[in-house]
Amino acid sequence: MECILLGTGGMMPMPYRLLASMAARIDGRIYLFDAGEGTQLGWKKARLGYRGLHVIAVTHLHADHCLGIPGLMMLRSQMDSPPPLTIIGPPGIEEFIQLNRKALEFHVNYPVLFVEWNEDAPEMAYEDEAVRIFWHPLQHTRFCLGYRLEERDRPGKFNARRAESLGIPQGPLWGKLQRGETVLTETGKEISPEQVLGPPRPGRRLAYVVDTLPVKGIYRLCKDTDIAFMEGMFLPEDAQHADAKGHMTVTDAARIAGRAGVKQAVLTHISPRYHDEDLERLEAAAKERFEKVSIGRDLDTYSVALKP
């Protein structure tokens, strides 16, 4: 799994920092979290292809988190036969997109599925053969969601010696067993995958949590994740601004990451009041609460290895 920060800023795009957006790429598919104004710039700089974009998960309907979606959709429409796109997010995300389509009169040549949160919504917002995405309400100045992506567990390690001893020669039948299919030996004996595979290997997990006060729901999203992208909008000495505007300080985020068992925390959605020369101060303050934390910068890429 590869995670690319397309932008790390909050409130407004700056010459030195685009707005917060993160793309997770798994087996050629891209799951995009937020798309503020200017996301296309980060997308092009990261050399991401539009065909791989399958899901856009929107945290909330503030301009710095959703204004980039129409542009991405228009560019995607320039391809021949692009795959369907799923957009998940808060109530009103479909209306926002459809009003933009109507006002701008832009054509979309692929199916678009909208999934909006409501009070009766299940914890899982989306699933495909590779991942499941969960959502949970946070606490901001307007309704906001946090997300947790879980890669599906992989089959256990294949025991070649065991397969041969059961009369399964190396070849296509090995592949079927590794895919979870039951096979027959030449003598007609049925062999199940459980007989030749070890215990399932857990998939990788990430969290995306921005624009929120430090609330309990964040722990639920971040618990034991391999990597968590969390907002660190203010230094602790500017906590009064964080409280007033519904945000976290870097120390708030670092403290939660440590208590939630996050293996690696990346702080993003940095206030425009801080320039690049201030980022070391933000990181130093965060590390006082949790050592495995860093400040994300535009186009930083994080590779999360498969678990053994």
Protein backbone atom coordinates (compact mmCIF):
# COMPACT_ATOMS: atom_id res chain seq x y z
CA MET A 1 0.00 0.00 0.00
CA GLU A 2 1.28 3.41 -0.99
CA CYS A 3 -0.08 6.62 0.54
CA ILE A 4 0.64 9.93 -1.19
CA LEU A 5 -0.05 13.31 0.41
CA LEU A 6 -1.31 15.45 -2.46
CA GLY A 7 -1.56 18.45 -0.14
CA THR A 8 -1.07 19.16 3.55
CA GLY A 9 -2.58 22.61 4.10
CA GLY A 10 -5.81 23.78 5.62
CA MET A 11 -8.27 26.61 4.90
CA MET A 12 -6.67 27.94 1.70
CA PRO A 13 -4.11 26.75 -0.87
CA MET A 14 -0.77 28.49 -0.48
CA PRO A 15 2.12 28.82 -2.96
CA TYR A 16 4.14 26.49 -0.73
CA ARG A 17 1.36 24.13 0.45
CA LEU A 18 -1.70 22.68 -1.31
CA LEU A 19 -4.89 21.78 0.54
CA ALA A 20 -5.17 18.52 2.46
CA SER A 21 -5.77 15.47 0.29
CA MET A 22 -4.40 11.94 0.51
CA ALA A 23 -4.43 9.13 -2.06
CA ALA A 24 -4.04 5.50 -0.99
CA ARG A 25 -3.01 3.20 -3.84
CA ILE A 26 -3.58 -0.53 -3.45
CA ASP A 27 -3.11 -2.99 -6.33
CA GLY A 28 -3.61 -0.25 -8.90
CA ARG A 29 -6.76 1.17 -7.30
CA ILE A 30 -6.76 4.65 -5.77
CA TYR A 31 -8.86 5.62 -2.78
CA LEU A 32 -8.81 9.41 -2.39
CA PHE A 33 -9.55 11.12 0.91
CA ASP A 34 -10.70 14.73 0.47
CA ALA A 35 -10.11 16.88 -2.59
CA GLY A 36 -9.87 20.58 -1.88
CA GLU A 37 -9.20 23.31 -4.41
CA GLY A 38 -6.01 22.55 -6.34
CA THR A 39 -6.02 18.78 -5.80
CA GLN A 40 -5.44 18.36 -9.53
CA LEU A 41 -2.01 20.00 -9.11
CA GLY A 42 -0.91 17.50 -6.49
CA TRP A 43 -2.39 14.67 -8.53
CA LYS A 44 -0.40 15.61 -11.61
CA LYS A 45 2.82 16.19 -9.63
CA ALA A 46 2.43 12.72 -8.11
CA ARG A 47 1.94 11.27 -11.63
CA LEU A 48 -1.22 9.43 -10.64
CA GLY A 49 -3.43 8.09 -13.39
CA TYR A 50 -7.12 8.93 -13.39
CA ARG A 51 -8.21 5.44 -14.45
CA GLY A 52 -7.15 4.07 -11.09
CA LEU A 53 -9.40 6.47 -9.13
CA HIS A 54 -12.28 4.38 -7.77
CA VAL A 55 -13.40 6.10 -4.56
CA ILE A 56 -13.46 9.65 -3.17
CA ALA A 57 -14.16 9.82 0.57
CA VAL A 58 -15.12 13.34 1.69
CA THR A 59 -14.90 14.38 5.32
CA HIS A 60 -17.18 17.41 5.19
CA LEU A 61 -18.58 20.18 3.05
CA HIS A 62 -16.08 22.93 3.68
CA ALA A 63 -14.49 24.34 0.53
CA ASP A 64 -10.95 23.28 1.40
CA HIS A 65 -12.05 19.63 1.39
CA CYS A 66 -14.39 19.30 -1.59
CA LEU A 67 -13.91 22.05 -4.21
CA GLY A 68 -11.42 19.92 -6.13
CA ILE A 69 -13.87 17.12 -6.89
CA PRO A 70 -15.55 18.65 -9.99
CA GLY A 71 -12.18 19.19 -11.66
CA LEU A 72 -11.11 15.61 -10.99
CA MET A 73 -14.39 14.34 -12.40
CA MET A 74 -14.03 16.44 -15.55
CA LEU A 75 -10.49 15.24 -16.19
CA ARG A 76 -11.55 11.64 -15.62
CA SER A 77 -14.24 12.12 -18.29
CA GLN A 78 -11.54 12.71 -20.90
CA MET A 79 -10.65 9.00 -20.83
CA ASP A 80 -12.34 6.33 -22.91
CA SER A 81 -14.67 4.14 -20.84
CA PRO A 82 -13.43 5.03 -17.34
CA PRO A 83 -14.59 2.70 -14.53
CA PRO A 84 -17.40 3.70 -12.15
CA LEU A 85 -16.65 6.20 -9.39
CA THR A 86 -18.02 6.02 -5.84
CA ILE A 87 -18.24 9.20 -3.76
CA ILE A 88 -18.90 8.76 -0.06
CA GLY A 89 -19.38 11.54 2.43
CA PRO A 90 -21.68 13.63 4.59
CA PRO A 91 -25.30 14.51 3.86
CA GLY A 92 -25.39 16.94 0.95
CA ILE A 93 -22.36 15.63 -0.96
CA GLU A 94 -24.52 14.39 -3.85
CA GLU A 95 -26.39 17.70 -4.08
CA PHE A 96 -23.08 19.58 -4.09
CA ILE A 97 -21.74 17.53 -7.00
CA GLN A 98 -24.96 17.58 -9.01
CA LEU A 99 -25.37 21.35 -8.65
CA ASN A 100 -21.81 21.82 -9.90
CA ARG A 101 -22.47 19.52 -12.84
CA LYS A 102 -25.60 21.48 -13.73
CA ALA A 103 -24.02 24.92 -13.33
CA LEU A 104 -20.81 24.05 -15.18
CA GLU A 105 -22.54 21.77 -17.71
CA PHE A 106 -19.75 19.22 -17.61
CA HIS A 107 -20.21 15.75 -19.07
CA VAL A 108 -19.51 12.56 -17.14
CA ASN A 109 -19.09 9.38 -19.18
CA TYR A 110 -19.06 6.89 -16.30
CA PRO A 111 -21.46 5.81 -13.54
CA VAL A 112 -21.22 7.78 -10.27
CA LEU A 113 -22.53 6.19 -7.08
CA PHE A 114 -23.13 8.39 -4.03
CA VAL A 115 -23.15 7.04 -0.49
CA GLU A 116 -24.19 9.60 2.13
CA TRP A 117 -23.97 9.20 5.87
CA ASN A 118 -27.17 9.20 7.89
CA GLU A 119 -28.01 8.32 11.47
CA ASP A 120 -29.01 4.78 10.49
CA ALA A 121 -25.96 4.19 8.29
CA PRO A 122 -23.86 1.08 9.02
CA GLU A 123 -20.29 1.50 10.22
CA MET A 124 -18.99 0.33 6.85
CA ALA A 125 -19.43 2.94 4.13
CA TYR A 126 -17.88 1.02 1.23
CA GLU A 127 -16.33 -2.32 0.30
CA ASP A 128 -14.82 -4.03 -2.70
CA GLU A 129 -12.68 -7.12 -3.20
CA ALA A 130 -9.60 -5.33 -1.82
CA VAL A 131 -10.72 -3.07 1.04
CA ARG A 132 -13.45 -1.97 3.40
CA ILE A 133 -13.89 1.69 4.38
CA PHE A 134 -15.51 2.66 7.68
CA TRP A 135 -16.70 6.10 8.77
CA HIS A 136 -17.48 7.77 12.07
CA PRO A 137 -18.74 11.28 12.95
CA LEU A 138 -16.25 13.73 14.47
CA GLN A 139 -16.80 17.17 16.04
CA HIS A 140 -16.16 20.24 13.93
CA THR A 141 -17.97 23.51 13.17
CA ARG A 142 -20.18 21.51 10.80
CA PHE A 143 -20.87 17.80 10.40
CA CYS A 144 -17.61 15.99 9.66
CA LEU A 145 -16.58 12.36 9.16
CA GLY A 146 -13.38 10.48 9.84
CA TYR A 147 -12.41 7.37 7.89
CA ARG A 148 -10.69 4.04 8.46
CA LEU A 149 -9.57 1.86 5.54
CA GLU A 150 -8.94 -1.84 6.15
CA GLU A 151 -7.36 -4.05 3.55
CA ARG A 152 -8.94 -7.50 3.45
CA ASP A 153 -6.99 -10.29 5.11
CA ARG A 154 -4.78 -12.34 2.79
CA PRO A 155 -4.67 -16.15 2.73
CA GLY A 156 -2.09 -17.78 4.97
CA LYS A 157 1.29 -18.99 3.72
CA PHE A 158 1.15 -21.93 1.34
CA ASN A 159 2.81 -25.13 2.56
CA ALA A 160 4.28 -26.71 -0.58
CA ARG A 161 5.54 -29.83 1.18
CA ARG A 162 2.16 -30.44 2.71
CA ALA A 163 0.48 -30.07 -0.68
CA GLU A 164 2.84 -32.59 -2.30
CA SER A 165 2.34 -35.06 0.54
CA LEU A 166 -1.41 -34.85 -0.05
CA GLY A 167 -0.93 -35.72 -3.73
CA ILE A 168 -1.21 -32.22 -5.22
CA PRO A 169 1.64 -31.70 -7.73
CA GLN A 170 3.02 -28.25 -8.40
CA GLY A 171 0.89 -26.48 -10.98
CA PRO A 172 -2.54 -24.88 -11.44
CA LEU A 173 -4.07 -26.68 -8.46
CA TRP A 174 -1.63 -24.90 -6.13
CA GLY A 175 -2.92 -21.58 -7.38
CA LYS A 176 -6.54 -22.60 -6.80
CA LEU A 177 -5.76 -23.64 -3.23
CA GLN A 178 -4.02 -20.31 -2.60
CA ARG A 179 -7.13 -18.51 -3.87
CA GLY A 180 -9.26 -20.41 -1.36
CA GLU A 181 -10.70 -23.02 -3.72
CA THR A 182 -11.11 -26.71 -2.91
CA VAL A 183 -9.46 -29.10 -5.42
CA LEU A 184 -9.43 -32.79 -6.28
CA THR A 185 -6.35 -35.04 -6.51
CA GLU A 186 -5.85 -37.48 -9.38
CA THR A 187 -7.34 -40.16 -7.14
CA GLY A 188 -10.45 -38.09 -6.57
CA LYS A 189 -9.57 -37.02 -3.02
CA GLU A 190 -10.87 -33.61 -2.02
CA ILE A 191 -8.31 -31.18 -0.56
CA SER A 192 -9.45 -27.95 1.10
CA PRO A 193 -7.34 -24.76 1.37
CA GLU A 194 -7.22 -25.09 5.15
CA GLN A 195 -5.14 -28.26 4.76
CA VAL A 196 -2.26 -26.46 3.03
CA LEU A 197 -2.53 -22.84 4.16
CA GLY A 198 -1.39 -21.24 7.39
CA PRO A 199 -3.56 -18.81 9.37
CA PRO A 200 -4.85 -15.75 7.47
CA ARG A 201 -2.47 -12.79 7.33
CA PRO A 202 -4.04 -9.50 8.41
CA GLY A 203 -4.42 -6.69 5.90
CA ARG A 204 -3.01 -3.22 6.34
CA ARG A 205 -5.00 -0.46 8.01
CA LEU A 206 -5.00 3.33 7.78
CA ALA A 207 -6.99 6.20 9.24
CA TYR A 208 -7.77 9.65 7.89
CA VAL A 209 -8.92 12.14 10.54
CA VAL A 210 -8.97 15.91 9.96
CA ASP A 211 -11.01 18.94 11.05
CA THR A 212 -12.11 17.86 14.49
CA LEU A 213 -11.75 18.52 18.17
CA PRO A 214 -10.03 15.70 20.12
CA VAL A 215 -13.04 13.39 20.62
CA LYS A 216 -13.42 9.69 21.48
CA GLY A 217 -14.44 8.73 17.95
CA ILE A 218 -10.87 9.33 16.77
CA TYR A 219 -9.61 6.44 18.90
CA ARG A 220 -12.13 4.15 17.24
CA LEU A 221 -10.89 5.10 13.78
CA CYS A 222 -7.18 5.02 14.61
CA LYS A 223 -6.98 1.95 16.86
CA ASP A 224 -3.98 -0.22 15.94
CA THR A 225 -3.65 1.25 12.44
CA ASP A 226 -0.42 0.89 10.50
CA ILE A 227 -0.54 4.55 9.54
CA ALA A 228 -2.85 7.41 10.54
CA PHE A 229 -3.13 10.76 8.78
CA MET A 230 -4.35 13.23 11.37
CA GLU A 231 -4.72 16.95 11.48
CA GLY A 232 -2.12 18.88 13.40
CA MET A 233 -3.32 22.34 12.59
CA PHE A 234 -1.86 24.35 15.48
CA LEU A 235 1.03 24.49 17.90
CA PRO A 236 0.00 23.91 21.53
CA GLU A 237 0.55 27.60 22.34
CA ASP A 238 -2.17 28.40 19.78
CA ALA A 239 -4.68 26.01 21.36
CA GLN A 240 -7.26 28.77 21.79
CA HIS A 241 -7.55 29.02 18.02
CA ALA A 242 -7.92 25.24 17.72
CA ASP A 243 -10.74 25.17 20.27
CA ALA A 244 -12.56 28.09 18.68
CA LYS A 245 -12.36 26.69 15.15
CA GLY A 246 -12.97 22.99 15.90
CA HIS A 247 -9.44 21.70 15.32
CA MET A 248 -6.64 19.83 17.08
CA THR A 249 -3.15 20.91 18.03
CA VAL A 250 -0.18 18.74 17.11
CA THR A 251 0.02 17.56 20.72
CA ASP A 252 -3.66 16.59 20.74
CA ALA A 253 -3.15 14.44 17.66
CA ALA A 254 0.10 12.90 18.89
CA ARG A 255 -1.40 12.01 22.26
CA ILE A 256 -4.38 10.27 20.63
CA ALA A 257 -2.15 8.43 18.15
CA GLY A 258 -0.01 7.04 20.96
CA ARG A 259 -2.97 5.93 23.06
CA ALA A 260 -4.71 4.38 20.04
CA GLY A 261 -1.72 2.18 19.23
CA VAL A 262 -0.97 3.82 15.88
CA LYS A 263 2.28 2.48 14.41
CA GLN A 264 3.00 5.65 12.42
CA ALA A 265 1.23 9.01 12.64
CA VAL A 266 1.49 11.70 9.96
CA LEU A 267 0.19 15.16 10.80
CA THR A 268 -1.41 17.17 8.02
CA HIS A 269 -3.93 20.00 7.49
CA ILE A 270 -1.40 22.56 8.71
CA SER A 271 -2.61 26.11 9.36
CA PRO A 272 -1.51 28.68 6.75
CA ARG A 273 -0.09 30.78 9.61
CA TYR A 274 2.86 28.35 9.69
CA HIS A 275 5.44 28.46 6.91
CA ASP A 276 7.86 25.69 5.96
CA GLU A 277 10.45 26.98 8.41
CA ASP A 278 7.91 26.40 11.22
CA LEU A 279 7.29 22.72 10.49
CA GLU A 280 10.21 21.52 12.60
CA ARG A 281 8.68 23.28 15.61
CA LEU A 282 5.35 21.55 15.03
CA GLU A 283 7.06 18.17 14.72
CA ALA A 284 9.18 18.70 17.83
CA ALA A 285 6.08 19.58 19.86
CA ALA A 286 4.25 16.47 18.59
CA LYS A 287 7.19 14.18 19.38
CA GLU A 288 7.04 15.23 23.02
CA ARG A 289 3.81 13.21 23.20
CA PHE A 290 4.49 10.42 20.67
CA GLU A 291 7.82 9.54 19.09
CA LYS A 292 6.46 7.85 15.96
CA VAL A 293 4.96 11.00 14.51
CA SER A 294 6.05 13.30 11.70
CA ILE A 295 4.76 16.37 9.90
CA GLY A 296 3.62 15.57 6.38
CA ARG A 297 4.75 17.65 3.44
CA ASP A 298 3.19 17.92 0.00
CA LEU A 299 3.94 14.85 -2.16
CA ASP A 300 5.42 12.85 0.72
CA THR A 301 4.89 9.15 0.01
CA TYR A 302 4.53 6.42 2.62
CA SER A 303 4.83 2.73 1.80
CA VAL A 304 3.14 0.29 4.16
CA ALA A 305 4.57 -3.20 3.73
CA LEU A 306 2.47 -6.34 3.68
CA LYS A 307 2.35 -8.10 7.01
CA PRO A 308 4.23 -11.43 7.16
